[in-house]
PDB file of all heavy atoms in Angstrom:
ATOM      1  N   GLY A   1      10.803  19.023  32.470  1.00  0.00           N
ATOM      2  CA  GLY A   1      10.379  17.690  32.887  1.00  0.00           C
ATOM      3  C   GLY A   1      10.306  16.831  31.638  1.00  0.00           C
ATOM      4  O   GLY A   1      10.105  17.339  30.525  1.00  0.00           O
ATOM      5  N   PHE A   2      10.471  15.521  31.810  1.00  0.00           N
ATOM      6  CA  PHE A   2      10.601  14.639  30.654  1.00  0.00           C
ATOM      7  C   PHE A   2       9.414  14.748  29.694  1.00  0.00           C
ATOM      8  O   PHE A   2       9.579  15.016  28.503  1.00  0.00           O
ATOM      9  CB  PHE A   2      10.791  13.188  31.112  1.00  0.00           C
ATOM     10  CG  PHE A   2      11.096  12.255  29.984  1.00  0.00           C
ATOM     11  CD1 PHE A   2      12.363  12.189  29.437  1.00  0.00           C
ATOM     12  CD2 PHE A   2      10.114  11.444  29.453  1.00  0.00           C
ATOM     13  CE1 PHE A   2      12.655  11.342  28.381  1.00  0.00           C
ATOM     14  CE2 PHE A   2      10.386  10.585  28.401  1.00  0.00           C
ATOM     15  CZ  PHE A   2      11.657  10.536  27.869  1.00  0.00           C
ATOM     16  N   GLY A   3       8.217  14.540  30.187  1.00  0.00           N
ATOM     17  CA  GLY A   3       7.042  14.559  29.320  1.00  0.00           C
ATOM     18  C   GLY A   3       6.807  15.919  28.686  1.00  0.00           C
ATOM     19  O   GLY A   3       6.526  16.022  27.486  1.00  0.00           O
ATOM     20  N   ALA A   4       6.925  16.964  29.482  1.00  0.00           N
ATOM     21  CA  ALA A   4       6.702  18.313  28.977  1.00  0.00           C
ATOM     22  C   ALA A   4       7.765  18.714  27.950  1.00  0.00           C
ATOM     23  O   ALA A   4       7.463  19.396  26.968  1.00  0.00           O
ATOM     24  CB  ALA A   4       6.670  19.310  30.127  1.00  0.00           C
ATOM     25  N   GLN A   5       9.003  18.272  28.161  1.00  0.00           N
ATOM     26  CA  GLN A   5      10.078  18.595  27.215  1.00  0.00           C
ATOM     27  C   GLN A   5       9.832  17.898  25.877  1.00  0.00           C
ATOM     28  O   GLN A   5      10.005  18.491  24.817  1.00  0.00           O
ATOM     29  CB  GLN A   5      11.442  18.197  27.801  1.00  0.00           C
ATOM     30  CG  GLN A   5      12.613  18.801  27.073  1.00  0.00           C
ATOM     31  CD  GLN A   5      12.897  20.245  27.480  1.00  0.00           C
ATOM     32  OE1 GLN A   5      12.125  20.885  28.178  1.00  0.00           O
ATOM     33  NE2 GLN A   5      14.012  20.752  27.034  1.00  0.00           N
ATOM     34  N   LYS A   6       9.417  16.614  25.944  1.00  0.00           N
ATOM     35  CA  LYS A   6       9.084  15.890  24.709  1.00  0.00           C
ATOM     36  C   LYS A   6       7.922  16.571  23.991  1.00  0.00           C
ATOM     37  O   LYS A   6       7.945  16.726  22.769  1.00  0.00           O
ATOM     38  CB  LYS A   6       8.712  14.434  25.013  1.00  0.00           C
ATOM     39  CG  LYS A   6       9.870  13.565  25.388  1.00  0.00           C
ATOM     40  CD  LYS A   6      10.399  12.850  24.198  1.00  0.00           C
ATOM     41  CE  LYS A   6      11.419  11.822  24.655  1.00  0.00           C
ATOM     42  NZ  LYS A   6      12.111  11.215  23.557  1.00  0.00           N
ATOM     43  N   GLN A   7       6.902  16.970  24.742  1.00  0.00           N
ATOM     44  CA  GLN A   7       5.750  17.628  24.132  1.00  0.00           C
ATOM     45  C   GLN A   7       6.160  18.952  23.497  1.00  0.00           C
ATOM     46  O   GLN A   7       5.707  19.295  22.403  1.00  0.00           O
ATOM     47  CB  GLN A   7       4.641  17.845  25.161  1.00  0.00           C
ATOM     48  CG  GLN A   7       3.356  18.368  24.560  1.00  0.00           C
ATOM     49  CD  GLN A   7       2.739  17.420  23.553  1.00  0.00           C
ATOM     50  OE1 GLN A   7       2.762  16.207  23.723  1.00  0.00           O
ATOM     51  NE2 GLN A   7       2.198  17.967  22.477  1.00  0.00           N
ATOM     52  N   PHE A   8       7.027  19.702  24.159  1.00  0.00           N
ATOM     53  CA  PHE A   8       7.539  20.943  23.587  1.00  0.00           C
ATOM     54  C   PHE A   8       8.205  20.661  22.245  1.00  0.00           C
ATOM     55  O   PHE A   8       7.988  21.382  21.266  1.00  0.00           O
ATOM     56  CB  PHE A   8       8.535  21.607  24.555  1.00  0.00           C
ATOM     57  CG  PHE A   8       9.188  22.841  23.995  1.00  0.00           C
ATOM     58  CD1 PHE A   8       8.605  24.084  24.183  1.00  0.00           C
ATOM     59  CD2 PHE A   8      10.369  22.756  23.279  1.00  0.00           C
ATOM     60  CE1 PHE A   8       9.198  25.239  23.655  1.00  0.00           C
ATOM     61  CE2 PHE A   8      10.971  23.884  22.744  1.00  0.00           C
ATOM     62  CZ  PHE A   8      10.377  25.134  22.932  1.00  0.00           C
ATOM     63  N   ALA A   9       9.027  19.613  22.196  1.00  0.00           N
ATOM     64  CA  ALA A   9       9.729  19.259  20.963  1.00  0.00           C
ATOM     65  C   ALA A   9       8.749  18.884  19.858  1.00  0.00           C
ATOM     66  O   ALA A   9       8.895  19.318  18.707  1.00  0.00           O
ATOM     67  CB  ALA A   9      10.707  18.122  21.231  1.00  0.00           C
ATOM     68  N   VAL A  10       7.748  18.082  20.185  1.00  0.00           N
ATOM     69  CA  VAL A  10       6.757  17.672  19.186  1.00  0.00           C
ATOM     70  C   VAL A  10       6.027  18.897  18.641  1.00  0.00           C
ATOM     71  O   VAL A  10       5.820  19.026  17.427  1.00  0.00           O
ATOM     72  CB  VAL A  10       5.772  16.643  19.788  1.00  0.00           C
ATOM     73  CG1 VAL A  10       4.576  16.427  18.886  1.00  0.00           C
ATOM     74  CG2 VAL A  10       6.491  15.320  20.057  1.00  0.00           C
ATOM     75  N   GLU A  11       5.644  19.800  19.515  1.00  0.00           N
ATOM     76  CA  GLU A  11       4.921  20.999  19.083  1.00  0.00           C
ATOM     77  C   GLU A  11       5.796  21.931  18.252  1.00  0.00           C
ATOM     78  O   GLU A  11       5.299  22.664  17.395  1.00  0.00           O
ATOM     79  CB  GLU A  11       4.334  21.728  20.287  1.00  0.00           C
ATOM     80  CG  GLU A  11       3.201  20.953  20.929  1.00  0.00           C
ATOM     81  CD  GLU A  11       2.707  21.547  22.231  1.00  0.00           C
ATOM     82  OE1 GLU A  11       3.166  22.645  22.623  1.00  0.00           O
ATOM     83  OE2 GLU A  11       1.847  20.912  22.859  1.00  0.00           O
ATOM     84  N   ALA A  12       7.109  21.899  18.461  1.00  0.00           N
ATOM     85  CA  ALA A  12       8.034  22.744  17.711  1.00  0.00           C
ATOM     86  C   ALA A  12       8.412  22.142  16.360  1.00  0.00           C
ATOM     87  O   ALA A  12       8.981  22.837  15.512  1.00  0.00           O
ATOM     88  CB  ALA A  12       9.290  23.006  18.534  1.00  0.00           C
ATOM     89  N   ALA A  13       8.117  20.867  16.151  1.00  0.00           N
ATOM     90  CA  ALA A  13       8.455  20.203  14.888  1.00  0.00           C
ATOM     91  C   ALA A  13       7.697  20.843  13.736  1.00  0.00           C
ATOM     92  O   ALA A  13       6.567  21.315  13.894  1.00  0.00           O
ATOM     93  CB  ALA A  13       8.125  18.714  14.976  1.00  0.00           C
ATOM     94  N   ARG A  14       8.307  20.849  12.576  1.00  0.00           N
ATOM     95  CA  ARG A  14       7.708  21.475  11.400  1.00  0.00           C
ATOM     96  C   ARG A  14       6.692  20.591  10.688  1.00  0.00           C
ATOM     97  O   ARG A  14       5.925  21.087   9.864  1.00  0.00           O
ATOM     98  CB  ARG A  14       8.807  21.881  10.428  1.00  0.00           C
ATOM     99  CG  ARG A  14       9.644  23.018  10.950  1.00  0.00           C
ATOM    100  CD  ARG A  14      10.653  23.494   9.927  1.00  0.00           C
ATOM    101  NE  ARG A  14      11.305  24.698  10.425  1.00  0.00           N
ATOM    102  CZ  ARG A  14      12.596  24.946  10.315  1.00  0.00           C
ATOM    103  NH1 ARG A  14      13.382  24.087   9.716  1.00  0.00           N
ATOM    104  NH2 ARG A  14      13.104  26.063  10.794  1.00  0.00           N
ATOM    105  N   HIS A  15       6.709  19.304  10.959  1.00  0.00           N
ATOM    106  CA  HIS A  15       5.818  18.373  10.251  1.00  0.00           C
ATOM    107  C   HIS A  15       4.833  17.728  11.215  1.00  0.00           C
ATOM    108  O   HIS A  15       5.098  17.608  12.411  1.00  0.00           O
ATOM    109  CB  HIS A  15       6.641  17.312   9.519  1.00  0.00           C
ATOM    110  CG  HIS A  15       7.599  17.907   8.536  1.00  0.00           C
ATOM    111  ND1 HIS A  15       7.187  18.564   7.397  1.00  0.00           N
ATOM    112  CD2 HIS A  15       8.945  17.973   8.537  1.00  0.00           C
ATOM    113  CE1 HIS A  15       8.242  19.007   6.734  1.00  0.00           C
ATOM    114  NE2 HIS A  15       9.330  18.669   7.403  1.00  0.00           N
ATOM    115  N   ASP A  16       3.703  17.303  10.668  1.00  0.00           N
ATOM    116  CA  ASP A  16       2.676  16.662  11.489  1.00  0.00           C
ATOM    117  C   ASP A  16       3.112  15.292  11.995  1.00  0.00           C
ATOM    118  O   ASP A  16       2.721  14.876  13.083  1.00  0.00           O
ATOM    119  CB  ASP A  16       1.376  16.509  10.699  1.00  0.00           C
ATOM    120  CG  ASP A  16       0.721  17.848  10.405  1.00  0.00           C
ATOM    121  OD1 ASP A  16       0.974  18.826  11.140  1.00  0.00           O
ATOM    122  OD2 ASP A  16      -0.053  17.919   9.423  1.00  0.00           O
ATOM    123  N   TRP A  17       3.885  14.574  11.207  1.00  0.00           N
ATOM    124  CA  TRP A  17       4.370  13.252  11.604  1.00  0.00           C
ATOM    125  C   TRP A  17       5.704  13.427  12.307  1.00  0.00           C
ATOM    126  O   TRP A  17       6.614  14.080  11.780  1.00  0.00           O
ATOM    127  CB  TRP A  17       4.523  12.333  10.398  1.00  0.00           C
ATOM    128  CG  TRP A  17       3.209  11.921   9.841  1.00  0.00           C
ATOM    129  CD1 TRP A  17       2.553  12.469   8.778  1.00  0.00           C
ATOM    130  CD2 TRP A  17       2.370  10.865  10.322  1.00  0.00           C
ATOM    131  NE1 TRP A  17       1.360  11.820   8.577  1.00  0.00           N
ATOM    132  CE2 TRP A  17       1.218  10.838   9.513  1.00  0.00           C
ATOM    133  CE3 TRP A  17       2.481   9.962  11.373  1.00  0.00           C
ATOM    134  CZ2 TRP A  17       0.185   9.931   9.714  1.00  0.00           C
ATOM    135  CZ3 TRP A  17       1.451   9.057  11.569  1.00  0.00           C
ATOM    136  CH2 TRP A  17       0.326   9.039  10.748  1.00  0.00           C
ATOM    137  N   VAL A  18       5.813  12.862  13.518  1.00  0.00           N
ATOM    138  CA  VAL A  18       6.997  13.067  14.352  1.00  0.00           C
ATOM    139  C   VAL A  18       7.442  11.741  14.953  1.00  0.00           C
ATOM    140  O   VAL A  18       6.625  10.987  15.495  1.00  0.00           O
ATOM    141  CB  VAL A  18       6.699  14.069  15.494  1.00  0.00           C
ATOM    142  CG1 VAL A  18       7.909  14.244  16.396  1.00  0.00           C
ATOM    143  CG2 VAL A  18       6.251  15.413  14.930  1.00  0.00           C
ATOM    144  N   LEU A  19       8.724  11.467  14.859  1.00  0.00           N
ATOM    145  CA  LEU A  19       9.350  10.316  15.515  1.00  0.00           C
ATOM    146  C   LEU A  19      10.208  10.862  16.642  1.00  0.00           C
ATOM    147  O   LEU A  19      11.126  11.653  16.412  1.00  0.00           O
ATOM    148  CB  LEU A  19      10.211   9.530  14.523  1.00  0.00           C
ATOM    149  CG  LEU A  19      11.064   8.395  15.090  1.00  0.00           C
ATOM    150  CD1 LEU A  19      10.205   7.333  15.763  1.00  0.00           C
ATOM    151  CD2 LEU A  19      11.931   7.788  13.989  1.00  0.00           C
ATOM    152  N   CYS A  20       9.895  10.482  17.880  1.00  0.00           N
ATOM    153  CA  CYS A  20      10.659  10.912  19.052  1.00  0.00           C
ATOM    154  C   CYS A  20      11.757   9.903  19.351  1.00  0.00           C
ATOM    155  O   CYS A  20      11.471   8.712  19.480  1.00  0.00           O
ATOM    156  CB  CYS A  20       9.751  11.025  20.276  1.00  0.00           C
ATOM    157  SG  CYS A  20       8.487  12.288  20.151  1.00  0.00           S
ATOM    158  N   LEU A  21      12.974  10.386  19.453  1.00  0.00           N
ATOM    159  CA  LEU A  21      14.113   9.541  19.795  1.00  0.00           C
ATOM    160  C   LEU A  21      14.846  10.137  20.986  1.00  0.00           C
ATOM    161  O   LEU A  21      14.792  11.343  21.215  1.00  0.00           O
ATOM    162  CB  LEU A  21      15.094   9.447  18.625  1.00  0.00           C
ATOM    163  CG  LEU A  21      14.634   8.758  17.352  1.00  0.00           C
ATOM    164  CD1 LEU A  21      15.707   8.874  16.279  1.00  0.00           C
ATOM    165  CD2 LEU A  21      14.308   7.296  17.617  1.00  0.00           C
ATOM    166  N   ASP A  22      15.568   9.281  21.692  1.00  0.00           N
ATOM    167  CA  ASP A  22      16.533   9.725  22.685  1.00  0.00           C
ATOM    168  C   ASP A  22      17.908   9.675  22.038  1.00  0.00           C
ATOM    169  O   ASP A  22      18.132   8.909  21.091  1.00  0.00           O
ATOM    170  CB  ASP A  22      16.497   8.823  23.920  1.00  0.00           C
ATOM    171  CG  ASP A  22      15.202   8.965  24.712  1.00  0.00           C
ATOM    172  OD1 ASP A  22      14.557  10.035  24.617  1.00  0.00           O
ATOM    173  OD2 ASP A  22      14.838   8.017  25.410  1.00  0.00           O
ATOM    174  N   ALA A  23      18.843  10.459  22.538  1.00  0.00           N
ATOM    175  CA  ALA A  23      20.169  10.548  21.927  1.00  0.00           C
ATOM    176  C   ALA A  23      20.901   9.218  21.885  1.00  0.00           C
ATOM    177  O   ALA A  23      21.747   8.998  21.021  1.00  0.00           O
ATOM    178  CB  ALA A  23      21.013  11.586  22.658  1.00  0.00           C
ATOM    179  N   ASP A  24      20.566   8.299  22.792  1.00  0.00           N
ATOM    180  CA  ASP A  24      21.243   7.003  22.802  1.00  0.00           C
ATOM    181  C   ASP A  24      20.501   5.946  21.974  1.00  0.00           C
ATOM    182  O   ASP A  24      20.888   4.782  21.975  1.00  0.00           O
ATOM    183  CB  ASP A  24      21.458   6.506  24.227  1.00  0.00           C
ATOM    184  CG  ASP A  24      20.163   6.267  24.987  1.00  0.00           C
ATOM    185  OD1 ASP A  24      19.083   6.669  24.499  1.00  0.00           O
ATOM    186  OD2 ASP A  24      20.225   5.689  26.080  1.00  0.00           O
ATOM    187  N   GLU A  25      19.461   6.354  21.258  1.00  0.00           N
ATOM    188  CA  GLU A  25      18.724   5.422  20.407  1.00  0.00           C
ATOM    189  C   GLU A  25      19.172   5.562  18.956  1.00  0.00           C
ATOM    190  O   GLU A  25      19.668   6.614  18.542  1.00  0.00           O
ATOM    191  CB  GLU A  25      17.215   5.677  20.511  1.00  0.00           C
ATOM    192  CG  GLU A  25      16.664   5.354  21.883  1.00  0.00           C
ATOM    193  CD  GLU A  25      15.179   5.595  21.977  1.00  0.00           C
ATOM    194  OE1 GLU A  25      14.705   6.682  21.578  1.00  0.00           O
ATOM    195  OE2 GLU A  25      14.485   4.683  22.460  1.00  0.00           O
ATOM    196  N   ARG A  26      18.960   4.498  18.200  1.00  0.00           N
ATOM    197  CA  ARG A  26      19.309   4.463  16.788  1.00  0.00           C
ATOM    198  C   ARG A  26      18.110   3.952  16.001  1.00  0.00           C
ATOM    199  O   ARG A  26      17.389   3.068  16.461  1.00  0.00           O
ATOM    200  CB  ARG A  26      20.489   3.518  16.508  1.00  0.00           C
ATOM    201  CG  ARG A  26      21.694   3.703  17.419  1.00  0.00           C
ATOM    202  CD  ARG A  26      22.399   5.031  17.175  1.00  0.00           C
ATOM    203  NE  ARG A  26      23.492   5.227  18.114  1.00  0.00           N
ATOM    204  CZ  ARG A  26      23.427   5.992  19.199  1.00  0.00           C
ATOM    205  NH1 ARG A  26      22.314   6.615  19.509  1.00  0.00           N
ATOM    206  NH2 ARG A  26      24.470   6.137  19.983  1.00  0.00           N
ATOM    207  N   VAL A  27      17.926   4.479  14.788  1.00  0.00           N
ATOM    208  CA  VAL A  27      16.890   3.970  13.893  1.00  0.00           C
ATOM    209  C   VAL A  27      17.502   2.802  13.133  1.00  0.00           C
ATOM    210  O   VAL A  27      18.448   2.983  12.364  1.00  0.00           O
ATOM    211  CB  VAL A  27      16.405   5.059  12.917  1.00  0.00           C
ATOM    212  CG1 VAL A  27      15.382   4.499  11.938  1.00  0.00           C
ATOM    213  CG2 VAL A  27      15.836   6.251  13.681  1.00  0.00           C
ATOM    214  N   SER A  28      16.965   1.624  13.347  1.00  0.00           N
ATOM    215  CA  SER A  28      17.459   0.432  12.652  1.00  0.00           C
ATOM    216  C   SER A  28      17.007   0.462  11.194  1.00  0.00           C
ATOM    217  O   SER A  28      16.088   1.215  10.824  1.00  0.00           O
ATOM    218  CB  SER A  28      16.911  -0.831  13.320  1.00  0.00           C
ATOM    219  OG  SER A  28      15.503  -0.909  13.115  1.00  0.00           O
ATOM    220  N   GLU A  29      17.614  -0.357  10.371  1.00  0.00           N
ATOM    221  CA  GLU A  29      17.185  -0.466   8.970  1.00  0.00           C
ATOM    222  C   GLU A  29      15.732  -0.904   8.886  1.00  0.00           C
ATOM    223  O   GLU A  29      14.966  -0.411   8.053  1.00  0.00           O
ATOM    224  CB  GLU A  29      18.094  -1.438   8.204  1.00  0.00           C
ATOM    225  CG  GLU A  29      19.470  -0.876   7.935  1.00  0.00           C
ATOM    226  CD  GLU A  29      19.443   0.392   7.093  1.00  0.00           C
ATOM    227  OE1 GLU A  29      18.640   0.482   6.131  1.00  0.00           O
ATOM    228  OE2 GLU A  29      20.212   1.320   7.406  1.00  0.00           O
ATOM    229  N   ARG A  30      15.331  -1.804   9.764  1.00  0.00           N
ATOM    230  CA  ARG A  30      13.941  -2.283   9.774  1.00  0.00           C
ATOM    231  C   ARG A  30      12.974  -1.157  10.124  1.00  0.00           C
ATOM    232  O   ARG A  30      11.927  -0.996   9.493  1.00  0.00           O
ATOM    233  CB  ARG A  30      13.809  -3.440  10.757  1.00  0.00           C
ATOM    234  CG  ARG A  30      12.443  -4.061  10.785  1.00  0.00           C
ATOM    235  CD  ARG A  30      12.440  -5.268  11.685  1.00  0.00           C
ATOM    236  NE  ARG A  30      11.084  -5.772  11.825  1.00  0.00           N
ATOM    237  CZ  ARG A  30      10.699  -6.619  12.749  1.00  0.00           C
ATOM    238  NH1 ARG A  30      11.567  -7.090  13.616  1.00  0.00           N
ATOM    239  NH2 ARG A  30       9.453  -7.004  12.814  1.00  0.00           N
ATOM    240  N   LEU A  31      13.312  -0.359  11.138  1.00  0.00           N
ATOM    241  CA  LEU A  31      12.461   0.762  11.505  1.00  0.00           C
ATOM    242  C   LEU A  31      12.447   1.808  10.399  1.00  0.00           C
ATOM    243  O   LEU A  31      11.396   2.366  10.072  1.00  0.00           O
ATOM    244  CB  LEU A  31      12.912   1.382  12.831  1.00  0.00           C
ATOM    245  CG  LEU A  31      12.107   2.591  13.297  1.00  0.00           C
ATOM    246  CD1 LEU A  31      10.628   2.255  13.451  1.00  0.00           C
ATOM    247  CD2 LEU A  31      12.681   3.131  14.601  1.00  0.00           C
ATOM    248  N   HIS A  32      13.592   2.077   9.812  1.00  0.00           N
ATOM    249  CA  HIS A  32      13.699   3.025   8.698  1.00  0.00           C
ATOM    250  C   HIS A  32      12.709   2.636   7.600  1.00  0.00           C
ATOM    251  O   HIS A  32      11.900   3.467   7.155  1.00  0.00           O
ATOM    252  CB  HIS A  32      15.140   3.008   8.189  1.00  0.00           C
ATOM    253  CG  HIS A  32      15.410   3.879   7.015  1.00  0.00           C
ATOM    254  ND1 HIS A  32      16.642   4.396   6.767  1.00  0.00           N
ATOM    255  CD2 HIS A  32      14.646   4.303   5.990  1.00  0.00           C
ATOM    256  CE1 HIS A  32      16.637   5.114   5.671  1.00  0.00           C
ATOM    257  NE2 HIS A  32      15.414   5.073   5.172  1.00  0.00           N
TER     258      HIS A  32
END
């Protein structure tokens, strides 16, 4: 499920700070 899958990903991340993206999203220079 969408929320549970995102939460799984966040919990599997190696760092405490996490940026969640979708495959069709891009990090702009401003966001970077």
